[in-house]
Amino acid sequence: MTLSDRLAPRPADASWELPAESIAVKIRWFGLVVGLLLANFAVAAESRGPLNAILSFGLAFTLLDTAAFRTGRVFLRDQPLLVSGMEAVYIGLLCEFEAGPASPFRFYYLLSLICCAVRYAPRVTFVTCGLDGLSYAVVFAVADPAARDASLFVLTLVILAWVTWAAAAMARLLRGASENLRELNDALRENQTQLESRIAERTRDLEDSQAQVLHQEKMAAFGLLAAGIAHEVGNPLTSISAVVQILERRETDTYTRDKLQLLAPELSRIQTILRELIGFSRPASDLRGRVAVEDVVTEALRIAKFYKGGKNRQIVAEVQRELPVFQGVRDQFVQVVFNLVLNAIDATAKGGRIEVRASHADGTLRLTVTDDGSGIAPEHLARLFRPYFTTKSHGTGLGLFVIRRIVEAHGGTANVESVVGRGTTFVVALPVAATVAMPVESTEAPA
């Protein structure tokens, strides 16, 4: 490593470099303008040519320095001693061709020290002070003995040392203040980012809560509607059933008796449907208990068969034997399976196949609902469980959101796998706290 490399600014000073270079460029232009005025209006005519020639080199260096600064760079950044040496020779020549040690150009040594102090580390400034002192000493040594003033020489060296110390201390103070300000700005930006993140998180939580409340209100309204329909249909159905039973007890011809016998099972079927609607419309319980996957799947499919299009799909349930029960809210998981099956029905065409499978491995219950529909576009997968996002024209965008909230509240996960044109699989994974085996047969959902 060279001496210049050791004296060059550390990488931590990078934020200070361009502001410091801006000061140095302004000082150089100031010194150049003053020098041109002195060389052309305040010195003897025979000295103007050499001085203007020397100042032209200063103009070229200043132009290069300015051009580099305009592009966001520092001219000769990694060669501080080269710059200090050139400036010492440059100022010494100006003094020599003007009036020797007493030349006003000797004050350029001060400008050189100030530029060095704001650009580089303090140790570079002290080395520059030594080079400037050596340059001035050479000017003093080669000057006419009659023009030598020892007191002026010593005073100039003292001023150079004092300015070096003061400029280095001031630059160190400014650089420290700049670094502290940068750290404060970084901390402020970090706090701002954290605050924005927390606000976004709270906003999402609020949206999720609002979505869940809205979904609960819709389900409650649907439950009231189902209960009302069941009640309104149940009363006249009871009357019809009573009339049919009366007619069955009377003597009738064979044709009428056969027709009445056809009515009885149909009336029983309607009554079964009404009981299922009433059961589905009852207020959901939030009490956790032991839940059997087979019961959940069976009830959900029994309700889903009344959904439009359900009879035109082949819905198959394959539940693994001896599955353990899990701790949870039974009604909520009936809703989970029910919503997933309805989505699968919507995603498939007539004659499509929907498979509901349940299995157990490594302490985890795995429930999947697979359809052979059109699949989900990749750009939609990441947003699928967000509230109010839906790909269906008649959807609310709350079904999958509620499913994930229910599953996660039970310590599980809900994910989706889909291939466009081949179908979609929703996967619900739940931890099993108590592995109590439940003997289960593979079943096929009733049409």
Protein backbone atom coordinates (compact mmCIF):
# COMPACT_ATOMS: atom_id res chain seq x y z
CA MET A 1 0.00 0.00 0.00
CA THR A 2 1.39 3.41 -1.00
CA LEU A 3 1.50 6.49 1.21
CA SER A 4 -1.27 8.07 -0.89
CA ASP A 5 -3.47 5.04 -0.38
CA ARG A 6 -2.99 5.24 3.38
CA LEU A 7 -3.79 8.94 3.39
CA ALA A 8 -6.79 8.77 1.06
CA PRO A 9 -10.30 9.18 2.56
CA ARG A 10 -11.87 6.13 4.09
CA PRO A 11 -14.98 4.66 2.42
CA ALA A 12 -17.02 5.88 5.40
CA ASP A 13 -16.30 9.44 4.25
CA ALA A 14 -17.98 8.91 0.86
CA SER A 15 -21.03 10.99 1.81
CA TRP A 16 -18.73 13.94 2.60
CA GLU A 17 -16.63 13.82 -0.58
CA LEU A 18 -18.85 15.69 -3.05
CA PRO A 19 -19.91 18.47 -0.64
CA ALA A 20 -16.23 18.96 0.28
CA GLU A 21 -15.25 18.94 -3.39
CA SER A 22 -17.86 21.64 -4.03
CA ILE A 23 -16.09 23.88 -1.47
CA ALA A 24 -12.67 23.12 -2.96
CA VAL A 25 -13.83 23.94 -6.49
CA LYS A 26 -15.22 27.30 -5.35
CA ILE A 27 -11.97 28.14 -3.50
CA ARG A 28 -9.90 27.30 -6.60
CA TRP A 29 -12.03 29.49 -8.87
CA PHE A 30 -11.81 32.33 -6.35
CA GLY A 31 -8.00 32.04 -6.19
CA LEU A 32 -7.74 31.82 -9.99
CA VAL A 33 -9.80 34.99 -10.57
CA VAL A 34 -7.87 36.93 -7.92
CA GLY A 35 -4.58 35.68 -9.38
CA LEU A 36 -5.50 36.83 -12.91
CA LEU A 37 -6.44 40.26 -11.59
CA LEU A 38 -3.14 40.56 -9.70
CA ALA A 39 -1.08 39.31 -12.64
CA ASN A 40 -2.60 41.77 -15.11
CA PHE A 41 -3.25 44.88 -13.04
CA ALA A 42 -1.01 44.88 -9.95
CA VAL A 43 2.44 43.69 -11.06
CA ALA A 44 5.18 44.94 -13.32
CA ALA A 45 4.67 44.42 -17.04
CA GLU A 46 7.68 42.13 -17.41
CA SER A 47 6.18 39.66 -14.92
CA ARG A 48 2.75 39.41 -16.55
CA GLY A 49 3.74 36.89 -19.25
CA PRO A 50 5.28 34.28 -16.91
CA LEU A 51 2.51 34.73 -14.34
CA ASN A 52 -0.28 34.33 -16.93
CA ALA A 53 1.47 31.21 -18.28
CA ILE A 54 1.62 29.69 -14.79
CA LEU A 55 -2.00 30.70 -14.08
CA SER A 56 -3.07 29.01 -17.31
CA PHE A 57 -1.92 25.70 -15.81
CA GLY A 58 -4.03 26.50 -12.76
CA LEU A 59 -6.98 27.25 -15.05
CA ALA A 60 -6.55 23.88 -16.81
CA PHE A 61 -6.41 22.01 -13.49
CA THR A 62 -9.47 23.89 -12.17
CA LEU A 63 -11.44 23.11 -15.31
CA LEU A 64 -10.61 19.40 -15.00
CA ASP A 65 -11.54 19.46 -11.32
CA THR A 66 -14.84 21.20 -12.10
CA ALA A 67 -15.69 18.79 -14.93
CA ALA A 68 -15.08 15.79 -12.66
CA PHE A 69 -17.23 17.35 -9.94
CA ARG A 70 -20.08 17.92 -12.41
CA THR A 71 -20.10 14.19 -13.15
CA GLY A 72 -20.15 13.24 -9.46
CA ARG A 73 -16.46 12.38 -9.16
CA VAL A 74 -13.44 13.80 -7.35
CA PHE A 75 -10.48 14.63 -9.60
CA LEU A 76 -7.35 12.69 -8.53
CA ARG A 77 -9.24 11.43 -5.48
CA ASP A 78 -6.75 8.69 -4.67
CA GLN A 79 -3.66 10.86 -5.21
CA PRO A 80 -3.86 13.54 -2.49
CA LEU A 81 -0.09 13.97 -2.16
CA LEU A 82 0.27 14.45 -5.92
CA VAL A 83 -2.27 17.28 -5.80
CA SER A 84 -0.59 18.83 -2.74
CA GLY A 85 2.84 18.61 -4.38
CA MET A 86 1.63 20.22 -7.62
CA GLU A 87 -0.04 23.03 -5.70
CA ALA A 88 3.12 23.67 -3.65
CA VAL A 89 5.24 23.94 -6.82
CA TYR A 90 2.54 26.04 -8.54
CA ILE A 91 2.31 28.56 -5.68
CA GLY A 92 6.09 28.67 -5.30
CA LEU A 93 6.50 29.59 -8.99
CA LEU A 94 3.88 32.34 -8.69
CA CYS A 95 5.71 33.81 -5.70
CA GLU A 96 9.10 33.57 -7.46
CA PHE A 97 7.97 35.39 -10.60
CA GLU A 98 6.02 38.07 -8.74
CA ALA A 99 7.92 39.44 -5.74
CA GLY A 100 9.59 36.54 -4.00
CA PRO A 101 8.84 35.72 -0.35
CA ALA A 102 6.77 38.89 0.09
CA SER A 103 4.46 38.12 -2.87
CA PRO A 104 0.74 38.22 -2.14
CA PHE A 105 0.58 34.86 -3.90
CA ARG A 106 2.02 33.34 -0.71
CA PHE A 107 -1.52 33.46 0.71
CA TYR A 108 -2.41 30.78 -1.86
CA TYR A 109 -0.69 28.35 0.51
CA LEU A 110 -3.57 29.02 2.91
CA LEU A 111 -6.16 28.30 0.22
CA SER A 112 -4.32 25.09 -0.61
CA LEU A 113 -4.41 24.01 3.04
CA ILE A 114 -8.14 24.79 3.36
CA CYS A 115 -8.93 22.80 0.20
CA CYS A 116 -6.89 19.89 1.50
CA ALA A 117 -8.51 20.02 4.94
CA VAL A 118 -12.06 19.82 3.61
CA ARG A 119 -11.22 17.07 1.10
CA TYR A 120 -8.94 14.71 3.00
CA ALA A 121 -8.13 13.33 6.43
CA PRO A 122 -6.22 15.60 8.90
CA ARG A 123 -2.96 13.71 8.41
CA VAL A 124 -3.03 14.66 4.69
CA THR A 125 -3.45 18.31 5.67
CA PHE A 126 -0.40 18.21 7.95
CA VAL A 127 1.70 16.58 5.22
CA THR A 128 0.49 19.28 2.80
CA CYS A 129 1.52 21.93 5.34
CA GLY A 130 5.00 20.44 5.29
CA LEU A 131 5.14 20.55 1.46
CA ASP A 132 3.90 24.14 1.41
CA GLY A 133 6.44 25.14 4.06
CA LEU A 134 9.20 23.48 2.03
CA SER A 135 8.03 25.29 -1.11
CA TYR A 136 8.04 28.64 0.65
CA ALA A 137 11.45 27.91 2.15
CA VAL A 138 12.84 27.29 -1.36
CA VAL A 139 11.34 30.61 -2.54
CA PHE A 140 12.94 32.33 0.44
CA ALA A 141 16.30 30.63 -0.20
CA VAL A 142 16.58 31.55 -3.91
CA ALA A 143 15.36 35.12 -3.42
CA ASP A 144 17.64 38.14 -3.54
CA PRO A 145 19.23 38.57 -0.08
CA ALA A 146 17.95 42.14 -0.03
CA ALA A 147 14.38 40.85 -0.42
CA ARG A 148 14.65 38.36 2.40
CA ASP A 149 12.80 39.20 5.59
CA ALA A 150 13.39 36.56 8.26
CA SER A 151 10.53 37.78 10.45
CA LEU A 152 8.12 37.58 7.48
CA PHE A 153 9.38 34.10 6.68
CA VAL A 154 8.89 32.85 10.24
CA LEU A 155 5.49 34.55 10.54
CA THR A 156 4.33 32.95 7.30
CA LEU A 157 5.37 29.51 8.49
CA VAL A 158 3.60 30.08 11.82
CA ILE A 159 0.43 31.16 10.02
CA LEU A 160 0.63 28.09 7.77
CA ALA A 161 0.89 25.83 10.84
CA TRP A 162 -1.96 27.64 12.60
CA VAL A 163 -4.26 27.51 9.56
CA THR A 164 -3.43 23.83 9.15
CA TRP A 165 -4.46 23.07 12.70
CA ALA A 166 -7.60 25.25 12.57
CA ALA A 167 -8.72 24.04 9.14
CA ALA A 168 -8.18 20.38 10.07
CA ALA A 169 -10.12 20.81 13.31
CA MET A 170 -12.94 22.64 11.56
CA ALA A 171 -13.11 20.04 8.78
CA ARG A 172 -13.12 17.24 11.36
CA LEU A 173 -16.00 18.95 13.17
CA LEU A 174 -17.99 19.47 9.96
CA ARG A 175 -17.30 15.93 8.80
CA GLY A 176 -18.46 14.55 12.16
CA ALA A 177 -21.61 16.68 12.04
CA SER A 178 -22.29 15.45 8.51
CA GLU A 179 -21.83 11.83 9.57
CA ASN A 180 -24.12 12.29 12.57
CA LEU A 181 -26.73 13.92 10.35
CA ARG A 182 -26.46 11.05 7.88
CA GLU A 183 -26.93 8.50 10.67
CA LEU A 184 -29.93 10.42 11.97
CA ASN A 185 -31.42 10.55 8.49
CA ASP A 186 -30.84 6.80 8.07
CA ALA A 187 -32.49 6.15 11.43
CA LEU A 188 -35.38 8.41 10.47
CA ARG A 189 -35.85 6.60 7.16
CA GLU A 190 -35.69 3.24 8.94
CA ASN A 191 -38.27 4.37 11.50
CA GLN A 192 -40.42 5.74 8.69
CA THR A 193 -40.23 2.40 6.88
CA GLN A 194 -41.12 0.53 10.07
CA LEU A 195 -44.01 2.91 10.73
CA GLU A 196 -45.33 2.50 7.19
CA SER A 197 -45.00 -1.26 7.52
CA ARG A 198 -46.91 -1.25 10.80
CA ILE A 199 -49.61 1.00 9.36
CA ALA A 200 -49.93 -1.32 6.35
CA GLU A 201 -50.09 -4.33 8.68
CA ARG A 202 -52.75 -2.71 10.87
CA THR A 203 -54.68 -1.72 7.75
CA ARG A 204 -54.61 -5.30 6.50
CA ASP A 205 -55.74 -6.54 9.92
CA LEU A 206 -58.60 -4.04 9.87
CA GLU A 207 -59.60 -5.09 6.34
CA ASP A 208 -59.45 -8.74 7.37
CA SER A 209 -61.61 -8.08 10.42
CA GLN A 210 -64.13 -6.11 8.36
CA ALA A 211 -64.21 -8.87 5.76
CA GLN A 212 -64.77 -11.50 8.42
CA VAL A 213 -67.57 -9.50 10.01
CA LEU A 214 -69.18 -9.00 6.62
CA HIS A 215 -68.94 -12.70 5.88
CA GLN A 216 -70.46 -13.57 9.24
CA GLU A 217 -73.31 -11.13 8.61
CA LYS A 218 -73.95 -12.68 5.20
CA MET A 219 -73.91 -16.19 6.65
CA ALA A 220 -76.28 -15.10 9.41
CA ALA A 221 -78.60 -13.53 6.84
CA PHE A 222 -78.43 -16.70 4.76
CA GLY A 223 -79.22 -18.76 7.84
CA LEU A 224 -82.27 -16.64 8.62
CA LEU A 225 -83.40 -16.91 5.02
CA ALA A 226 -82.97 -20.71 5.04
CA ALA A 227 -84.82 -21.00 8.33
CA GLY A 228 -87.64 -18.81 7.04
CA ILE A 229 -87.96 -20.82 3.84
CA ALA A 230 -87.97 -24.07 5.78
CA HIS A 231 -90.68 -22.76 8.09
CA GLU A 232 -92.87 -21.39 5.31
CA VAL A 233 -92.56 -24.57 3.27
CA GLY A 234 -92.86 -26.85 6.29
CA ASN A 235 -96.35 -25.69 7.31
CA PRO A 236 -98.12 -26.40 4.01
CA LEU A 237 -96.04 -29.55 3.61
CA THR A 238 -97.36 -30.83 6.94
CA SER A 239 -100.91 -30.21 5.75
CA ILE A 240 -100.27 -31.99 2.46
CA SER A 241 -98.72 -34.94 4.29
CA ALA A 242 -101.73 -35.16 6.61
CA VAL A 243 -104.15 -35.14 3.69
CA VAL A 244 -102.16 -37.86 1.93
CA GLN A 245 -102.23 -40.01 5.07
CA ILE A 246 -106.02 -39.54 5.37
CA LEU A 247 -106.52 -40.52 1.75
CA GLU A 248 -104.32 -43.60 2.20
CA ARG A 249 -106.60 -44.84 5.01
CA ARG A 250 -109.72 -44.57 2.87
CA GLU A 251 -110.93 -47.07 0.37
CA THR A 252 -109.71 -45.98 -3.05
CA ASP A 253 -109.23 -47.53 -6.43
CA THR A 254 -105.96 -49.09 -7.42
CA TYR A 255 -104.83 -46.17 -9.59
CA THR A 256 -105.33 -43.59 -6.80
CA ARG A 257 -103.65 -45.88 -4.23
CA ASP A 258 -100.57 -46.23 -6.46
CA LYS A 259 -100.30 -42.49 -6.93
CA LEU A 260 -100.61 -41.85 -3.21
CA GLN A 261 -97.82 -44.34 -2.54
CA LEU A 262 -95.59 -42.36 -4.94
CA LEU A 263 -96.26 -39.16 -2.99
CA ALA A 264 -95.19 -40.50 0.39
CA PRO A 265 -91.44 -40.95 -0.30
CA GLU A 266 -91.30 -37.62 -2.14
CA LEU A 267 -92.86 -35.84 0.82
CA SER A 268 -90.37 -37.60 3.11
CA ARG A 269 -87.53 -36.43 0.89
CA ILE A 270 -88.73 -32.81 1.06
CA GLN A 271 -88.94 -33.06 4.85
CA THR A 272 -85.35 -34.36 4.99
CA ILE A 273 -84.15 -31.43 2.88
CA LEU A 274 -85.95 -28.98 5.17
CA ARG A 275 -84.36 -30.55 8.26
CA GLU A 276 -80.92 -30.18 6.68
CA LEU A 277 -81.62 -26.52 5.85
CA ILE A 278 -82.74 -25.88 9.42
CA GLY A 279 -79.63 -27.62 10.74
CA PHE A 280 -77.38 -25.58 8.47
CA SER A 281 -79.11 -22.30 9.43
CA ARG A 282 -78.72 -22.77 13.18
CA PRO A 283 -76.20 -20.38 14.90
CA ALA A 284 -72.69 -21.74 14.58
CA SER A 285 -71.02 -22.82 17.79
CA ASP A 286 -67.53 -21.57 18.62
CA LEU A 287 -66.84 -24.27 21.20
CA ARG A 288 -63.98 -26.57 20.33
CA GLY A 289 -64.29 -30.29 20.65
CA ARG A 290 -63.23 -33.58 19.12
CA VAL A 291 -64.01 -33.46 15.42
CA ALA A 292 -64.06 -36.46 13.09
CA VAL A 293 -63.08 -35.68 9.52
CA GLU A 294 -65.56 -38.18 8.09
CA ASP A 295 -68.50 -36.43 9.80
CA VAL A 296 -67.33 -33.06 8.52
CA VAL A 297 -66.96 -34.28 4.92
CA THR A 298 -70.28 -36.14 4.98
CA GLU A 299 -72.29 -33.18 6.26
CA ALA A 300 -70.62 -30.71 3.92
CA LEU A 301 -71.31 -32.90 0.88
CA ARG A 302 -74.91 -33.50 1.99
CA ILE A 303 -75.46 -29.73 1.97
CA ALA A 304 -73.47 -29.10 -1.22
CA LYS A 305 -75.62 -31.53 -3.23
CA PHE A 306 -78.39 -28.91 -3.27
CA TYR A 307 -76.09 -26.32 -4.86
CA LYS A 308 -76.83 -25.59 -8.51
CA GLY A 309 -74.71 -27.78 -10.73
CA GLY A 310 -73.93 -30.21 -7.94
CA LYS A 311 -76.00 -32.98 -9.50
CA ASN A 312 -74.13 -32.61 -12.79
CA ARG A 313 -70.71 -33.22 -11.21
CA GLN A 314 -69.16 -36.45 -10.03
CA ILE A 315 -68.24 -35.78 -6.41
CA VAL A 316 -66.17 -38.52 -4.78
CA ALA A 317 -65.02 -38.63 -1.15
CA GLU A 318 -62.06 -40.83 -0.21
CA VAL A 319 -61.38 -40.74 3.51
CA GLN A 320 -58.51 -42.83 4.85
CA ARG A 321 -59.36 -45.53 7.38
CA GLU A 322 -58.89 -44.95 11.11
CA LEU A 323 -58.20 -41.24 10.91
CA PRO A 324 -57.57 -39.53 14.26
CA VAL A 325 -59.91 -36.83 15.44
CA PHE A 326 -58.67 -33.26 15.93
CA GLN A 327 -59.58 -30.47 18.31
CA GLY A 328 -61.62 -27.77 16.61
CA VAL A 329 -64.97 -26.13 15.95
CA ARG A 330 -67.01 -28.63 13.96
CA ASP A 331 -69.37 -26.12 12.31
CA GLN A 332 -66.44 -24.05 11.07
CA PHE A 333 -64.83 -27.01 9.34
CA VAL A 334 -68.12 -28.01 7.76
CA GLN A 335 -68.11 -24.51 6.31
CA VAL A 336 -64.48 -24.97 5.13
CA VAL A 337 -65.22 -28.17 3.20
CA PHE A 338 -68.55 -26.82 1.97
CA ASN A 339 -66.96 -23.65 0.52
CA LEU A 340 -64.14 -25.60 -1.13
CA VAL A 341 -66.59 -28.00 -2.78
CA LEU A 342 -68.77 -25.11 -4.02
CA ASN A 343 -65.69 -23.46 -5.54
CA ALA A 344 -64.82 -26.75 -7.24
CA ILE A 345 -68.35 -27.01 -8.66
CA ASP A 346 -68.08 -23.49 -10.05
CA ALA A 347 -64.68 -24.27 -11.58
CA THR A 348 -65.79 -27.41 -13.43
CA ALA A 349 -68.10 -28.00 -16.38
CA LYS A 350 -70.95 -30.46 -16.51
CA GLY A 351 -69.66 -33.99 -15.99
CA GLY A 352 -66.57 -32.71 -14.17
CA ARG A 353 -64.97 -34.68 -11.35
CA ILE A 354 -64.40 -33.43 -7.82
CA GLU A 355 -62.41 -35.48 -5.33
CA VAL A 356 -62.41 -34.87 -1.57
CA ARG A 357 -59.64 -36.79 0.16
CA ALA A 358 -58.55 -37.00 3.79
CA SER A 359 -55.43 -38.72 5.10
CA HIS A 360 -53.06 -38.71 8.07
CA ALA A 361 -49.26 -38.79 8.23
CA ASP A 362 -46.60 -37.59 10.70
CA GLY A 363 -49.08 -36.06 13.12
CA THR A 364 -50.85 -34.01 10.45
CA LEU A 365 -54.32 -34.40 8.98
CA ARG A 366 -54.37 -33.55 5.29
CA LEU A 367 -57.65 -32.66 3.57
CA THR A 368 -57.65 -31.97 -0.17
CA VAL A 369 -60.36 -30.90 -2.60
CA THR A 370 -59.35 -31.47 -6.23
CA ASP A 371 -61.22 -30.55 -9.40
CA ASP A 372 -60.46 -31.07 -13.08
CA GLY A 373 -61.59 -27.58 -14.06
CA SER A 374 -59.84 -24.83 -15.98
CA GLY A 375 -57.30 -24.03 -13.24
CA ILE A 376 -56.19 -20.68 -11.85
CA ALA A 377 -53.88 -18.23 -13.62
CA PRO A 378 -50.44 -17.96 -11.93
CA GLU A 379 -50.78 -14.20 -11.39
CA HIS A 380 -53.92 -14.81 -9.29
CA LEU A 381 -52.50 -17.46 -6.96
CA ALA A 382 -50.69 -15.04 -4.64
CA ARG A 383 -53.89 -12.99 -4.10
CA LEU A 384 -56.34 -15.87 -3.91
CA PHE A 385 -56.74 -15.83 -0.11
CA ARG A 386 -56.94 -12.01 0.16
CA PRO A 387 -60.33 -10.56 1.16
CA TYR A 388 -62.58 -9.32 -1.67
CA PHE A 389 -60.43 -10.92 -4.37
CA THR A 390 -62.38 -13.24 -6.65
CA THR A 391 -62.15 -14.55 -10.21
CA LYS A 392 -65.88 -15.29 -10.35
CA SER A 393 -68.38 -12.77 -11.67
CA HIS A 394 -70.83 -13.57 -8.86
CA GLY A 395 -68.28 -14.08 -6.08
CA THR A 396 -67.73 -11.92 -2.98
CA GLY A 397 -64.06 -12.76 -2.51
CA LEU A 398 -64.60 -13.80 1.12
CA GLY A 399 -64.90 -17.60 0.95
CA LEU A 400 -61.22 -18.51 0.66
CA PHE A 401 -60.23 -15.69 3.00
CA VAL A 402 -62.51 -17.09 5.71
CA ILE A 403 -61.23 -20.62 5.05
CA ARG A 404 -57.63 -19.60 5.67
CA ARG A 405 -58.57 -17.64 8.81
CA ILE A 406 -60.44 -20.65 10.23
CA VAL A 407 -57.63 -23.09 9.43
CA GLU A 408 -54.87 -20.81 10.76
CA ALA A 409 -56.88 -20.21 13.95
CA HIS A 410 -56.64 -23.99 14.50
CA GLY A 411 -52.87 -24.01 13.94
CA GLY A 412 -53.08 -25.35 10.39
CA THR A 413 -52.33 -24.12 6.88
CA ALA A 414 -54.41 -23.67 3.74
CA ASN A 415 -52.73 -23.60 0.34
CA VAL A 416 -53.56 -24.07 -3.31
CA GLU A 417 -51.91 -25.85 -6.22
CA SER A 418 -53.19 -25.22 -9.73
CA VAL A 419 -52.26 -25.84 -13.34
CA VAL A 420 -54.11 -23.90 -16.01
CA GLY A 421 -56.19 -26.28 -18.13
CA ARG A 422 -55.72 -29.24 -15.79
CA GLY A 423 -57.39 -28.31 -12.51
CA THR A 424 -56.88 -27.10 -8.97
CA THR A 425 -56.19 -28.68 -5.59
CA PHE A 426 -56.84 -26.94 -2.27
CA VAL A 427 -54.84 -28.42 0.60
CA VAL A 428 -55.77 -28.04 4.28
CA ALA A 429 -53.23 -29.37 6.79
CA LEU A 430 -54.10 -29.62 10.50
CA PRO A 431 -52.03 -30.75 13.48
CA VAL A 432 -53.47 -33.66 15.43
CA ALA A 433 -53.21 -33.23 19.18
CA ALA A 434 -54.88 -36.49 20.19
CA THR A 435 -54.52 -39.42 17.83
CA VAL A 436 -57.78 -41.21 18.52
CA ALA A 437 -58.50 -43.57 15.63
CA MET A 438 -61.90 -43.37 13.94
CA PRO A 439 -62.78 -46.30 11.66
CA VAL A 440 -63.90 -44.81 8.34
CA GLU A 441 -65.03 -46.28 5.05
CA SER A 442 -64.33 -44.69 1.67
CA THR A 443 -67.57 -43.20 0.45
CA GLU A 444 -69.01 -41.62 -2.63
CA ALA A 445 -71.17 -38.57 -2.22
CA PRO A 446 -74.85 -39.10 -2.94
CA ALA A 447 -76.09 -37.65 -6.18
